[in-house]
């Protein structure tokens, strides 16, 4: 087994574990709209691109990047972008704020860009040209920027929502002190 296939399997396992971790840790929580899986997938794919940059002089340069992009990145990005869009819609329904709207717009843009990405990959499969590889690199850079924005703004929104929920809990305690006393007596 070659080192490229081991790395590819490793990437797929890490990314799948990332989304399973997101699902398990955020189960039933509406305040989480960030996705670290998109961020990690974009960073790793940019690393693969930089390690195998397509050069005009070499006929096979960039082939590992194209195969990785076609086999792993494009389908996983589509699934994760749909998942992030779903999480952002749920979050925006429960916690409407500027950050939530930014997250929703950004997740929608990522999802649409991942659809465009699928069509570009399909075009590369049908008709291989170097100009298509350049367009993939541009799409990859924009997806990386958008996933970074989603992660950072999502983290800021998560902290804001945690403060809001903590404040609501404290307000409920102040308004209903008898409930707190009865809970203490039960313990």
C-alpha atoms as a PDB file:
ATOM      1  CA  UNK A   1       0.000   0.000   0.000  1.00  0.00           C
ATOM      2  CA  UNK A   2       1.499   3.334  -1.032  1.00  0.00           C
ATOM      3  CA  UNK A   3       1.899   6.310   1.259  1.00  0.00           C
ATOM      4  CA  UNK A   4      -0.638   8.318  -0.771  1.00  0.00           C
ATOM      5  CA  UNK A   5      -3.366   5.743  -0.197  1.00  0.00           C
ATOM      6  CA  UNK A   6      -2.558   5.565   3.522  1.00  0.00           C
ATOM      7  CA  UNK A   7      -2.773   9.355   3.759  1.00  0.00           C
ATOM      8  CA  UNK A   8      -6.046   9.352   1.833  1.00  0.00           C
ATOM      9  CA  UNK A   9      -7.554   6.727   4.135  1.00  0.00           C
ATOM     10  CA  UNK A  10      -6.286   8.684   7.145  1.00  0.00           C
ATOM     11  CA  UNK A  11      -7.922  11.883   5.875  1.00  0.00           C
ATOM     12  CA  UNK A  12     -11.244  10.180   5.267  1.00  0.00           C
ATOM     13  CA  UNK A  13     -11.197   8.648   8.760  1.00  0.00           C
ATOM     14  CA  UNK A  14     -10.351  12.005  10.373  1.00  0.00           C
ATOM     15  CA  UNK A  15     -13.065  13.847   8.484  1.00  0.00           C
ATOM     16  CA  UNK A  16     -15.706  11.194   9.152  1.00  0.00           C
ATOM     17  CA  UNK A  17     -14.725  11.175  12.840  1.00  0.00           C
ATOM     18  CA  UNK A  18     -15.085  14.961  12.809  1.00  0.00           C
ATOM     19  CA  UNK A  19     -18.650  14.874  11.590  1.00  0.00           C
ATOM     20  CA  UNK A  20     -19.553  12.022  13.968  1.00  0.00           C
ATOM     21  CA  UNK A  21     -18.043  14.069  16.791  1.00  0.00           C
ATOM     22  CA  UNK A  22     -20.100  17.086  15.689  1.00  0.00           C
ATOM     23  CA  UNK A  23     -23.249  14.975  15.628  1.00  0.00           C
ATOM     24  CA  UNK A  24     -22.670  13.351  19.020  1.00  0.00           C
ATOM     25  CA  UNK A  25     -21.477  16.435  20.890  1.00  0.00           C
ATOM     26  CA  UNK A  26     -24.208  18.680  19.496  1.00  0.00           C
ATOM     27  CA  UNK A  27     -27.071  16.194  19.709  1.00  0.00           C
ATOM     28  CA  UNK A  28     -30.154  18.113  20.756  1.00  0.00           C
ATOM     29  CA  UNK A  29     -28.312  21.408  21.035  1.00  0.00           C
ATOM     30  CA  UNK A  30     -29.565  24.175  18.840  1.00  0.00           C
ATOM     31  CA  UNK A  31     -26.869  26.674  19.754  1.00  0.00           C
ATOM     32  CA  UNK A  32     -24.115  25.116  17.668  1.00  0.00           C
ATOM     33  CA  UNK A  33     -23.911  26.271  14.064  1.00  0.00           C
ATOM     34  CA  UNK A  34     -20.185  26.059  13.500  1.00  0.00           C
ATOM     35  CA  UNK A  35     -18.540  23.118  11.842  1.00  0.00           C
ATOM     36  CA  UNK A  36     -14.944  22.239  12.448  1.00  0.00           C
ATOM     37  CA  UNK A  37     -15.178  19.432   9.871  1.00  0.00           C
ATOM     38  CA  UNK A  38     -15.458  21.876   6.951  1.00  0.00           C
ATOM     39  CA  UNK A  39     -12.523  23.846   8.294  1.00  0.00           C
ATOM     40  CA  UNK A  40     -10.281  20.792   8.723  1.00  0.00           C
ATOM     41  CA  UNK A  41     -11.240  19.343   5.340  1.00  0.00           C
ATOM     42  CA  UNK A  42     -10.415  22.615   3.569  1.00  0.00           C
ATOM     43  CA  UNK A  43      -7.094  23.035   5.374  1.00  0.00           C
ATOM     44  CA  UNK A  44      -6.019  19.477   4.591  1.00  0.00           C
ATOM     45  CA  UNK A  45      -7.029  19.741   0.931  1.00  0.00           C
ATOM     46  CA  UNK A  46      -5.076  22.981   0.566  1.00  0.00           C
ATOM     47  CA  UNK A  47      -2.104  21.103   2.039  1.00  0.00           C
ATOM     48  CA  UNK A  48      -2.519  18.307  -0.523  1.00  0.00           C
ATOM     49  CA  UNK A  49      -2.721  20.927  -3.285  1.00  0.00           C
ATOM     50  CA  UNK A  50       0.461  22.629  -2.103  1.00  0.00           C
ATOM     51  CA  UNK A  51       2.311  19.310  -1.859  1.00  0.00           C
ATOM     52  CA  UNK A  52       1.383  18.398  -5.454  1.00  0.00           C
ATOM     53  CA  UNK A  53       1.170  21.703  -7.311  1.00  0.00           C
ATOM     54  CA  UNK A  54       0.350  21.336 -11.008  1.00  0.00           C
ATOM     55  CA  UNK A  55       3.389  22.511 -12.987  1.00  0.00           C
ATOM     56  CA  UNK A  56       3.333  23.180 -16.731  1.00  0.00           C
ATOM     57  CA  UNK A  57       6.570  21.307 -17.412  1.00  0.00           C
ATOM     58  CA  UNK A  58       5.639  18.018 -15.775  1.00  0.00           C
ATOM     59  CA  UNK A  59       2.892  15.975 -17.417  1.00  0.00           C
ATOM     60  CA  UNK A  60       1.809  14.111 -14.264  1.00  0.00           C
ATOM     61  CA  UNK A  61       2.147  16.888 -11.723  1.00  0.00           C
ATOM     62  CA  UNK A  62      -1.088  17.618  -9.962  1.00  0.00           C
ATOM     63  CA  UNK A  63      -2.501  14.148 -10.621  1.00  0.00           C
ATOM     64  CA  UNK A  64      -2.540  13.143  -6.928  1.00  0.00           C
ATOM     65  CA  UNK A  65      -4.282  16.405  -6.093  1.00  0.00           C
ATOM     66  CA  UNK A  66      -6.932  15.883  -8.780  1.00  0.00           C
ATOM     67  CA  UNK A  67      -7.576  12.303  -7.658  1.00  0.00           C
ATOM     68  CA  UNK A  68      -7.817  13.359  -4.012  1.00  0.00           C
ATOM     69  CA  UNK A  69     -10.054  16.267  -4.937  1.00  0.00           C
ATOM     70  CA  UNK A  70     -12.325  14.072  -7.058  1.00  0.00           C
ATOM     71  CA  UNK A  71     -12.465  11.050  -4.753  1.00  0.00           C
ATOM     72  CA  UNK A  72     -12.591  12.679  -1.328  1.00  0.00           C
ATOM     73  CA  UNK A  73     -12.884  16.435  -1.213  1.00  0.00           C
ATOM     74  CA  UNK A  74     -15.784  17.105  -3.600  1.00  0.00           C
ATOM     75  CA  UNK A  75     -18.209  14.516  -2.164  1.00  0.00           C
ATOM     76  CA  UNK A  76     -17.279  15.196   1.464  1.00  0.00           C
ATOM     77  CA  UNK A  77     -17.543  18.955   0.955  1.00  0.00           C
ATOM     78  CA  UNK A  78     -21.013  18.529  -0.527  1.00  0.00           C
ATOM     79  CA  UNK A  79     -22.178  16.417   2.430  1.00  0.00           C
ATOM     80  CA  UNK A  80     -20.597  18.681   5.041  1.00  0.00           C
ATOM     81  CA  UNK A  81     -21.893  21.850   3.411  1.00  0.00           C
ATOM     82  CA  UNK A  82     -25.419  20.422   3.436  1.00  0.00           C
ATOM     83  CA  UNK A  83     -24.968  19.416   7.089  1.00  0.00           C
ATOM     84  CA  UNK A  84     -23.679  22.887   7.981  1.00  0.00           C
ATOM     85  CA  UNK A  85     -26.571  24.527   6.140  1.00  0.00           C
ATOM     86  CA  UNK A  86     -29.010  22.338   8.080  1.00  0.00           C
ATOM     87  CA  UNK A  87     -27.351  23.223  11.409  1.00  0.00           C
ATOM     88  CA  UNK A  88     -27.373  26.926  10.516  1.00  0.00           C
ATOM     89  CA  UNK A  89     -31.088  26.887   9.628  1.00  0.00           C
ATOM     90  CA  UNK A  90     -31.935  25.165  12.936  1.00  0.00           C
ATOM     91  CA  UNK A  91     -29.748  27.612  14.835  1.00  0.00           C
ATOM     92  CA  UNK A  92     -31.236  30.652  13.103  1.00  0.00           C
ATOM     93  CA  UNK A  93     -34.768  29.502  13.977  1.00  0.00           C
ATOM     94  CA  UNK A  94     -33.953  29.399  17.684  1.00  0.00           C
ATOM     95  CA  UNK A  95     -31.376  32.181  18.068  1.00  0.00           C
ATOM     96  CA  UNK A  96     -31.833  35.012  15.601  1.00  0.00           C
ATOM     97  CA  UNK A  97     -28.948  37.480  15.647  1.00  0.00           C
ATOM     98  CA  UNK A  98     -26.490  39.120  13.274  1.00  0.00           C
ATOM     99  CA  UNK A  99     -24.062  36.247  13.727  1.00  0.00           C
ATOM    100  CA  UNK A 100     -26.785  33.658  13.077  1.00  0.00           C
ATOM    101  CA  UNK A 101     -27.766  35.404   9.852  1.00  0.00           C
ATOM    102  CA  UNK A 102     -24.115  35.620   8.769  1.00  0.00           C
ATOM    103  CA  UNK A 103     -23.727  31.903   9.508  1.00  0.00           C
ATOM    104  CA  UNK A 104     -26.844  31.080   7.489  1.00  0.00           C
ATOM    105  CA  UNK A 105     -25.766  33.184   4.496  1.00  0.00           C
ATOM    106  CA  UNK A 106     -22.236  31.765   4.632  1.00  0.00           C
ATOM    107  CA  UNK A 107     -23.518  28.171   4.905  1.00  0.00           C
ATOM    108  CA  UNK A 108     -25.826  28.760   1.935  1.00  0.00           C
ATOM    109  CA  UNK A 109     -22.908  30.157  -0.069  1.00  0.00           C
ATOM    110  CA  UNK A 110     -20.720  27.173   0.875  1.00  0.00           C
ATOM    111  CA  UNK A 111     -23.472  24.762  -0.171  1.00  0.00           C
ATOM    112  CA  UNK A 112     -23.989  26.497  -3.534  1.00  0.00           C
ATOM    113  CA  UNK A 113     -20.244  26.647  -4.105  1.00  0.00           C
ATOM    114  CA  UNK A 114     -19.952  22.927  -3.359  1.00  0.00           C
ATOM    115  CA  UNK A 115     -22.616  22.299  -6.026  1.00  0.00           C
ATOM    116  CA  UNK A 116     -20.588  24.365  -8.507  1.00  0.00           C
ATOM    117  CA  UNK A 117     -17.563  22.389  -7.389  1.00  0.00           C
ATOM    118  CA  UNK A 118     -19.299  19.104  -8.284  1.00  0.00           C
ATOM    119  CA  UNK A 119     -20.036  20.435 -11.786  1.00  0.00           C
ATOM    120  CA  UNK A 120     -16.435  21.594 -12.256  1.00  0.00           C
ATOM    121  CA  UNK A 121     -15.158  18.176 -11.169  1.00  0.00           C
ATOM    122  CA  UNK A 122     -17.592  16.552 -13.604  1.00  0.00           C
ATOM    123  CA  UNK A 123     -16.238  18.796 -16.381  1.00  0.00           C
ATOM    124  CA  UNK A 124     -12.682  17.781 -15.500  1.00  0.00           C
ATOM    125  CA  UNK A 125     -13.664  14.116 -15.747  1.00  0.00           C
ATOM    126  CA  UNK A 126     -15.229  14.689 -19.171  1.00  0.00           C
ATOM    127  CA  UNK A 127     -12.572  16.990 -20.588  1.00  0.00           C
ATOM    128  CA  UNK A 128      -9.239  17.343 -18.796  1.00  0.00           C
ATOM    129  CA  UNK A 129      -7.671  20.793 -19.200  1.00  0.00           C
ATOM    130  CA  UNK A 130      -5.188  22.733 -17.098  1.00  0.00           C
ATOM    131  CA  UNK A 131      -7.556  25.721 -16.925  1.00  0.00           C
ATOM    132  CA  UNK A 132     -10.054  23.545 -15.048  1.00  0.00           C
ATOM    133  CA  UNK A 133      -7.403  22.794 -12.436  1.00  0.00           C
ATOM    134  CA  UNK A 134      -6.910  26.527 -11.943  1.00  0.00           C
ATOM    135  CA  UNK A 135     -10.657  26.959 -11.397  1.00  0.00           C
ATOM    136  CA  UNK A 136     -10.561  24.138  -8.836  1.00  0.00           C
ATOM    137  CA  UNK A 137      -7.787  25.959  -6.984  1.00  0.00           C
ATOM    138  CA  UNK A 138      -9.862  29.151  -6.901  1.00  0.00           C
ATOM    139  CA  UNK A 139     -12.920  27.265  -5.662  1.00  0.00           C
ATOM    140  CA  UNK A 140     -10.761  25.562  -3.031  1.00  0.00           C
ATOM    141  CA  UNK A 141      -9.417  28.894  -1.789  1.00  0.00           C
ATOM    142  CA  UNK A 142     -12.906  30.426  -1.568  1.00  0.00           C
ATOM    143  CA  UNK A 143     -14.263  27.326   0.201  1.00  0.00           C
ATOM    144  CA  UNK A 144     -11.345  27.494   2.632  1.00  0.00           C
ATOM    145  CA  UNK A 145     -12.038  31.156   3.386  1.00  0.00           C
ATOM    146  CA  UNK A 146     -15.768  30.526   3.809  1.00  0.00           C
ATOM    147  CA  UNK A 147     -15.234  27.530   6.078  1.00  0.00           C
ATOM    148  CA  UNK A 148     -12.821  29.589   8.188  1.00  0.00           C
ATOM    149  CA  UNK A 149     -15.445  32.342   8.464  1.00  0.00           C
ATOM    150  CA  UNK A 150     -18.050  29.721   9.399  1.00  0.00           C
ATOM    151  CA  UNK A 151     -15.784  28.352  12.116  1.00  0.00           C
ATOM    152  CA  UNK A 152     -14.783  31.722  13.615  1.00  0.00           C
ATOM    153  CA  UNK A 153     -18.229  33.348  13.493  1.00  0.00           C
ATOM    154  CA  UNK A 154     -19.775  30.099  14.732  1.00  0.00           C
ATOM    155  CA  UNK A 155     -17.442  30.095  17.706  1.00  0.00           C
ATOM    156  CA  UNK A 156     -18.319  33.722  18.508  1.00  0.00           C
ATOM    157  CA  UNK A 157     -22.024  32.904  18.183  1.00  0.00           C
ATOM    158  CA  UNK A 158     -21.631  29.860  20.423  1.00  0.00           C
ATOM    159  CA  UNK A 159     -20.085  31.997  23.161  1.00  0.00           C
ATOM    160  CA  UNK A 160     -22.839  34.597  22.776  1.00  0.00           C
ATOM    161  CA  UNK A 161     -25.569  31.969  23.010  1.00  0.00           C
ATOM    162  CA  UNK A 162     -23.951  30.355  26.053  1.00  0.00           C
ATOM    163  CA  UNK A 163     -23.968  33.724  27.825  1.00  0.00           C
ATOM    164  CA  UNK A 164     -27.586  34.239  26.778  1.00  0.00           C
ATOM    165  CA  UNK A 165     -28.629  30.816  28.079  1.00  0.00           C
ATOM    166  CA  UNK A 166     -26.744  31.373  31.321  1.00  0.00           C
ATOM    167  CA  UNK A 167     -28.496  34.719  31.750  1.00  0.00           C
ATOM    168  CA  UNK A 168     -31.890  33.111  31.083  1.00  0.00           C
ATOM    169  CA  UNK A 169     -31.146  30.447  33.682  1.00  0.00           C
ATOM    170  CA  UNK A 170     -30.141  33.068  36.248  1.00  0.00           C
ATOM    171  CA  UNK A 171     -33.279  35.082  35.490  1.00  0.00           C
ATOM    172  CA  UNK A 172     -35.416  31.987  36.003  1.00  0.00           C
ATOM    173  CA  UNK A 173     -33.754  31.379  39.382  1.00  0.00           C
ATOM    174  CA  UNK A 174     -34.417  34.953  40.485  1.00  0.00           C
ATOM    175  CA  UNK A 175     -38.051  34.795  39.411  1.00  0.00           C
ATOM    176  CA  UNK A 176     -38.753  31.419  41.046  1.00  0.00           C
ATOM    177  CA  UNK A 177     -36.688  30.972  44.260  1.00  0.00           C
ATOM    178  CA  UNK A 178     -39.148  28.389  45.678  1.00  0.00           C
ATOM    179  CA  UNK A 179     -38.276  25.962  42.894  1.00  0.00           C
ATOM    180  CA  UNK A 180     -34.603  26.191  43.836  1.00  0.00           C
ATOM    181  CA  UNK A 181     -35.351  25.527  47.509  1.00  0.00           C
ATOM    182  CA  UNK A 182     -37.458  22.460  46.685  1.00  0.00           C
ATOM    183  CA  UNK A 183     -34.664  21.107  44.455  1.00  0.00           C
ATOM    184  CA  UNK A 184     -32.165  21.525  47.300  1.00  0.00           C
ATOM    185  CA  UNK A 185     -34.437  19.670  49.748  1.00  0.00           C
ATOM    186  CA  UNK A 186     -34.817  16.747  47.343  1.00  0.00           C
ATOM    187  CA  UNK A 187     -31.037  16.257  47.223  1.00  0.00           C
END
